[in-house]
Amino acid sequence: MPSARDYPWWWWRWWTWPEEEAPPSPSPHHGPSPAPAHPGGGIFRWLHRDRDLSHTSVAAIETSKMNAWLSLDRKARARQFRALVVVSLRVAALTTKPVPLGRLGPDLYSTPERNAAGAAIARTLVLLAPQGLRPVSDIQTDEASPAQGALETGLIPVATVLLVTACALAAAYLATMISQAVHAVNFDDEVTTRLLAVHAQALEILSIHVERERVAGHELPFNEAERAWLIGLEDAQRRLATMRGRPLPSPFHGATQFTRAATGFGAVALVAVAVFLLMSRNNGRRS
């Protein structure tokens, strides 16, 4: 498992930023929101607590890359999967600056390609959840404990997700169901586990890319290897969508996809081979 030094410094700051540093809500031009308004005039939220979310998210990425979800007990699987969902929303913003979790939109990205990268990360969550989700209350989760539909007073969440986009709604649904239903996510399905493996690798790749941008002091274009992994993630999402008989979903209003002509077949094929070898190696260890 990677140690703390393997991840950018801002990875750990993500979980310690005060809530007041982030803007309170999305602006109207982000497009129509699928979430209904809170009866009190606000926005429904998913609030998650974990005493060590930073390290839990690192463990979740490794579990996903190695297709080891079924090797965990039910509580560890629920806790790690919730962490994976939270960190996916964070990485999808492609910035080290505090951005409210769940508030993704085209205004966050300077180019269609950066939009496509963020959308690829967020889309995985939408694909793993049912369609047509609408929240009816705030949701609270605490590590691996069953979700609560009402908020308890006095508890300080580590992560607050605004339920204003399709990916945020999917994230809250998955966080709720992962502790309640055995088959909330089908970890036995090869297409699903390969998608999660590519998704986890893409999280690491984008984390490193954004750290390079922080050091450089400006945005950097994706190199061929980075684009290949992200396009490989889109391809894995298309396979799962096709298997389920649904179109490739949009994770937020104004989301884009990668232009395929810019990356050769060889680079994308290398991604498929790398994922196959990674998962084959792990399956060999489990047999």
Protein backbone atom coordinates (compact mmCIF):
# COMPACT_ATOMS: atom_id res chain seq x y z
CA MET A 1 0.00 0.00 0.00
CA PRO A 2 1.34 3.48 -0.78
CA SER A 3 2.64 5.54 2.13
CA ALA A 4 1.79 9.18 2.77
CA ARG A 5 4.86 10.35 0.87
CA ASP A 6 3.50 8.77 -2.33
CA TYR A 7 0.60 11.24 -2.46
CA PRO A 8 0.69 15.02 -2.99
CA TRP A 9 0.68 17.24 0.11
CA TRP A 10 -2.72 18.65 -0.82
CA TRP A 11 -4.23 15.14 -0.79
CA TRP A 12 -4.11 15.25 3.00
CA ARG A 13 -5.23 18.88 3.23
CA TRP A 14 -8.41 17.96 1.35
CA TRP A 15 -9.82 16.38 4.47
CA THR A 16 -8.82 19.19 6.86
CA TRP A 17 -10.07 22.28 5.01
CA PRO A 18 -12.66 24.15 7.09
CA GLU A 19 -16.13 24.05 5.60
CA GLU A 20 -16.28 27.85 5.49
CA GLU A 21 -13.40 28.01 2.99
CA ALA A 22 -15.61 26.55 0.26
CA PRO A 23 -18.33 28.53 -1.52
CA PRO A 24 -21.69 27.65 0.04
CA SER A 25 -23.66 26.70 -3.04
CA PRO A 26 -23.58 26.53 -6.85
CA SER A 27 -24.47 29.59 -8.87
CA PRO A 28 -27.54 29.54 -11.14
CA HIS A 29 -25.58 29.32 -14.41
CA HIS A 30 -24.34 25.80 -13.61
CA GLY A 31 -27.41 24.43 -15.34
CA PRO A 32 -30.54 22.69 -14.08
CA SER A 33 -30.14 20.73 -10.89
CA PRO A 34 -31.68 17.27 -10.55
CA ALA A 35 -32.05 17.74 -6.79
CA PRO A 36 -35.19 19.26 -5.27
CA ALA A 37 -34.91 22.15 -2.88
CA HIS A 38 -34.71 21.51 0.84
CA PRO A 39 -38.00 22.40 2.57
CA GLY A 40 -36.08 24.98 4.60
CA GLY A 41 -34.83 26.69 1.45
CA GLY A 42 -31.40 25.08 1.25
CA ILE A 43 -29.96 22.11 -0.64
CA PHE A 44 -30.03 18.50 0.48
CA ARG A 45 -26.63 17.19 1.53
CA TRP A 46 -24.74 13.98 2.20
CA LEU A 47 -22.52 14.38 5.28
CA HIS A 48 -19.85 11.77 5.86
CA ARG A 49 -17.63 11.22 8.88
CA ASP A 50 -14.44 9.13 9.02
CA ARG A 51 -11.75 9.47 11.67
CA ASP A 52 -9.04 8.94 9.03
CA LEU A 53 -10.55 9.58 5.62
CA SER A 54 -7.22 10.39 3.98
CA HIS A 55 -5.66 6.99 4.68
CA THR A 56 -8.95 5.17 4.13
CA SER A 57 -9.15 6.69 0.65
CA VAL A 58 -5.60 5.54 -0.14
CA ALA A 59 -6.51 2.02 1.01
CA ALA A 60 -9.68 2.14 -1.12
CA ILE A 61 -7.73 3.05 -4.24
CA GLU A 62 -5.36 0.12 -3.68
CA THR A 63 -8.28 -2.26 -3.03
CA SER A 64 -9.92 -1.13 -6.25
CA LYS A 65 -6.74 -1.41 -8.33
CA MET A 66 -6.14 -4.95 -7.08
CA ASN A 67 -9.79 -6.08 -7.31
CA ALA A 68 -9.67 -7.02 -3.64
CA TRP A 69 -13.11 -5.77 -2.56
CA LEU A 70 -14.41 -9.25 -1.82
CA SER A 71 -11.40 -9.98 0.39
CA LEU A 72 -12.59 -7.31 2.85
CA ASP A 73 -15.19 -7.90 5.53
CA ARG A 74 -18.48 -6.09 5.10
CA LYS A 75 -17.64 -3.15 7.37
CA ALA A 76 -14.19 -2.55 5.87
CA ARG A 77 -15.68 -2.77 2.36
CA ALA A 78 -18.40 -0.20 3.19
CA ARG A 79 -15.94 2.19 4.81
CA GLN A 80 -13.41 2.00 1.98
CA PHE A 81 -16.03 2.27 -0.76
CA ARG A 82 -17.51 5.40 0.83
CA ALA A 83 -14.01 6.87 0.93
CA LEU A 84 -13.52 6.00 -2.75
CA VAL A 85 -16.76 7.81 -3.60
CA VAL A 86 -15.77 10.92 -1.65
CA VAL A 87 -12.26 11.11 -3.13
CA SER A 88 -13.70 10.62 -6.63
CA LEU A 89 -15.82 13.75 -6.22
CA ARG A 90 -12.80 15.64 -4.91
CA VAL A 91 -10.40 14.59 -7.68
CA ALA A 92 -13.01 15.22 -10.38
CA ALA A 93 -12.74 18.98 -9.73
CA LEU A 94 -9.10 18.91 -10.97
CA THR A 95 -7.90 21.56 -8.54
CA THR A 96 -6.09 21.86 -5.21
CA LYS A 97 -8.40 24.71 -4.27
CA PRO A 98 -11.38 23.99 -2.02
CA VAL A 99 -14.48 23.28 -4.10
CA PRO A 100 -17.78 22.11 -2.58
CA LEU A 101 -18.06 18.37 -3.11
CA GLY A 102 -20.76 17.56 -5.64
CA ARG A 103 -20.70 20.98 -7.31
CA LEU A 104 -19.24 20.06 -10.67
CA GLY A 105 -19.91 22.00 -13.85
CA PRO A 106 -18.26 23.38 -17.00
CA ASP A 107 -17.28 26.60 -15.20
CA LEU A 108 -14.68 24.64 -13.19
CA TYR A 109 -12.72 23.62 -16.29
CA SER A 110 -10.71 25.85 -18.60
CA THR A 111 -10.85 23.46 -21.59
CA PRO A 112 -13.19 20.75 -22.92
CA GLU A 113 -10.43 18.21 -22.29
CA ARG A 114 -10.21 19.05 -18.58
CA ASN A 115 -14.00 18.90 -18.48
CA ALA A 116 -13.85 15.43 -20.05
CA ALA A 117 -11.29 14.28 -17.47
CA GLY A 118 -13.42 15.43 -14.54
CA ALA A 119 -16.53 13.98 -16.15
CA ALA A 120 -14.84 10.61 -16.65
CA ILE A 121 -14.10 10.36 -12.92
CA ALA A 122 -17.60 11.48 -11.91
CA ARG A 123 -19.35 9.26 -14.48
CA THR A 124 -18.23 6.04 -12.80
CA LEU A 125 -20.42 6.86 -9.80
CA VAL A 126 -23.45 7.54 -12.00
CA LEU A 127 -23.02 4.23 -13.82
CA LEU A 128 -22.88 2.24 -10.57
CA ALA A 129 -26.14 3.75 -9.29
CA PRO A 130 -29.72 3.46 -10.61
CA GLN A 131 -31.18 6.15 -12.82
CA GLY A 132 -33.69 8.78 -11.73
CA LEU A 133 -32.41 9.40 -8.19
CA ARG A 134 -33.95 12.22 -6.15
CA PRO A 135 -33.11 12.94 -2.50
CA VAL A 136 -35.88 13.44 0.04
CA SER A 137 -33.73 14.37 3.03
CA ASP A 138 -30.18 15.02 4.15
CA ILE A 139 -28.10 11.85 4.50
CA GLN A 140 -25.49 11.12 7.12
CA THR A 141 -22.92 8.33 7.10
CA ASP A 142 -20.26 7.47 9.65
CA GLU A 143 -17.45 5.19 8.46
CA ALA A 144 -19.14 1.79 7.92
CA SER A 145 -22.30 2.38 9.97
CA PRO A 146 -25.73 2.29 8.29
CA ALA A 147 -26.77 5.60 6.76
CA GLN A 148 -29.19 7.90 8.53
CA GLY A 149 -31.78 10.00 6.76
CA ALA A 150 -31.77 12.70 9.42
CA LEU A 151 -28.83 14.65 10.74
CA GLU A 152 -27.67 14.34 14.31
CA THR A 153 -26.67 17.53 16.05
CA GLY A 154 -23.17 18.09 17.32
CA LEU A 155 -21.40 15.84 14.78
CA ILE A 156 -18.82 17.48 12.55
CA PRO A 157 -18.62 15.88 9.08
CA VAL A 158 -15.30 15.37 7.33
CA ALA A 159 -16.93 15.68 3.91
CA THR A 160 -20.12 17.50 2.90
CA VAL A 161 -21.54 16.72 -0.54
CA LEU A 162 -24.12 19.04 -2.09
CA LEU A 163 -26.75 16.92 -3.82
CA VAL A 164 -27.02 19.13 -6.90
CA THR A 165 -25.62 16.97 -9.72
CA ALA A 166 -26.21 13.47 -11.03
CA CYS A 167 -22.81 12.32 -9.77
CA ALA A 168 -23.47 13.75 -6.28
CA LEU A 169 -26.84 11.98 -6.10
CA ALA A 170 -25.22 8.74 -7.23
CA ALA A 171 -22.48 9.18 -4.63
CA ALA A 172 -25.01 9.60 -1.83
CA TYR A 173 -27.01 6.60 -3.03
CA LEU A 174 -23.94 4.35 -3.20
CA ALA A 175 -22.78 5.51 0.24
CA THR A 176 -26.20 4.67 1.64
CA MET A 177 -26.66 1.28 0.01
CA ILE A 178 -23.12 -0.10 0.39
CA SER A 179 -23.73 -0.81 4.09
CA GLN A 180 -27.29 -2.10 3.63
CA ALA A 181 -27.35 -4.33 0.55
CA VAL A 182 -24.98 -7.18 -0.24
CA HIS A 183 -25.25 -6.50 -3.97
CA ALA A 184 -25.28 -2.68 -3.87
CA VAL A 185 -22.23 -2.90 -6.14
CA ASN A 186 -21.59 -6.16 -7.98
CA PHE A 187 -17.97 -6.85 -7.06
CA ASP A 188 -18.30 -10.30 -8.64
CA ASP A 189 -18.87 -8.84 -12.11
CA GLU A 190 -15.70 -8.64 -14.21
CA VAL A 191 -16.83 -5.58 -16.18
CA THR A 192 -17.60 -3.68 -12.96
CA THR A 193 -14.34 -4.60 -11.24
CA ARG A 194 -12.28 -3.69 -14.32
CA LEU A 195 -14.05 -0.34 -14.43
CA LEU A 196 -13.21 0.24 -10.76
CA ALA A 197 -9.57 -0.76 -11.34
CA VAL A 198 -9.16 1.72 -14.22
CA HIS A 199 -11.06 4.34 -12.21
CA ALA A 200 -8.68 3.98 -9.26
CA GLN A 201 -5.63 4.30 -11.48
CA ALA A 202 -7.14 7.41 -13.08
CA LEU A 203 -7.61 8.93 -9.61
CA GLU A 204 -3.90 8.52 -8.94
CA ILE A 205 -2.91 9.83 -12.37
CA LEU A 206 -5.03 12.97 -12.03
CA SER A 207 -3.83 13.55 -8.46
CA ILE A 208 -0.22 13.52 -9.66
CA HIS A 209 -1.10 15.70 -12.66
CA VAL A 210 -2.71 18.38 -10.50
CA GLU A 211 0.29 18.32 -8.17
CA ARG A 212 2.57 18.91 -11.19
CA GLU A 213 0.37 21.89 -12.08
CA ARG A 214 0.67 23.26 -8.54
CA VAL A 215 4.46 23.05 -8.73
CA ALA A 216 4.51 24.65 -12.20
CA GLY A 217 2.13 27.40 -11.15
CA HIS A 218 -0.20 26.89 -14.12
CA GLU A 219 -2.30 24.27 -15.87
CA LEU A 220 -0.52 21.62 -17.94
CA PRO A 221 -1.86 19.60 -20.90
CA PHE A 222 -2.41 15.90 -20.39
CA ASN A 223 0.36 13.78 -21.87
CA GLU A 224 -0.37 10.77 -24.07
CA ALA A 225 -0.20 8.25 -21.23
CA GLU A 226 -2.60 10.29 -19.06
CA ARG A 227 -5.06 10.70 -21.92
CA ALA A 228 -4.83 7.01 -22.70
CA TRP A 229 -5.84 6.06 -19.15
CA LEU A 230 -8.72 8.53 -19.13
CA ILE A 231 -9.97 7.34 -22.51
CA GLY A 232 -9.57 3.79 -21.25
CA LEU A 233 -11.82 4.76 -18.34
CA GLU A 234 -14.43 6.09 -20.74
CA ASP A 235 -14.24 2.85 -22.74
CA ALA A 236 -14.73 0.78 -19.57
CA GLN A 237 -17.75 2.94 -18.75
CA ARG A 238 -19.19 2.37 -22.22
CA ARG A 239 -18.86 -1.38 -21.80
CA LEU A 240 -20.77 -1.32 -18.52
CA ALA A 241 -23.41 1.03 -19.96
CA THR A 242 -23.87 -1.24 -22.99
CA MET A 243 -24.15 -4.29 -20.76
CA ARG A 244 -26.92 -2.55 -18.82
CA GLY A 245 -28.69 -1.34 -21.96
CA ARG A 246 -28.36 2.37 -21.17
CA PRO A 247 -26.60 5.27 -22.90
CA LEU A 248 -23.40 6.68 -21.46
CA PRO A 249 -24.71 9.07 -18.78
CA SER A 250 -23.73 12.68 -18.19
CA PRO A 251 -22.45 13.12 -14.61
CA PHE A 252 -23.20 16.84 -14.52
CA HIS A 253 -24.72 19.54 -16.72
CA GLY A 254 -22.34 20.46 -19.54
CA ALA A 255 -20.04 17.43 -19.16
CA THR A 256 -17.91 16.59 -22.20
CA GLN A 257 -16.10 13.50 -23.51
CA PHE A 258 -12.64 13.00 -24.98
CA THR A 259 -12.02 13.43 -28.68
CA ARG A 260 -10.72 10.04 -29.80
CA ALA A 261 -8.73 11.12 -32.83
CA ALA A 262 -6.10 12.77 -30.65
CA THR A 263 -4.89 9.52 -29.07
CA GLY A 264 -3.70 6.52 -31.05
CA PHE A 265 -5.13 3.04 -30.68
CA GLY A 266 -1.81 1.73 -29.41
CA ALA A 267 -1.81 3.90 -26.30
CA VAL A 268 -5.38 2.95 -25.42
CA ALA A 269 -4.62 -0.71 -26.03
CA LEU A 270 -1.74 -0.50 -23.57
CA VAL A 271 -4.22 0.58 -20.89
CA ALA A 272 -6.35 -2.50 -21.50
CA VAL A 273 -3.30 -4.76 -21.35
CA ALA A 274 -2.07 -3.10 -18.13
CA VAL A 275 -5.45 -3.53 -16.41
CA PHE A 276 -5.67 -7.16 -17.56
CA LEU A 277 -2.20 -7.94 -16.20
CA LEU A 278 -2.86 -6.13 -12.94
CA MET A 279 -6.09 -7.99 -12.28
CA SER A 280 -4.74 -11.33 -13.50
CA ARG A 281 -1.84 -11.01 -11.06
CA ASN A 282 -4.21 -10.33 -8.19
CA ASN A 283 -6.55 -13.17 -9.17
CA GLY A 284 -3.56 -15.47 -9.11
CA ARG A 285 -2.78 -14.42 -5.57
CA ARG A 286 -6.36 -15.11 -4.46
CA SER A 287 -6.54 -18.57 -6.05
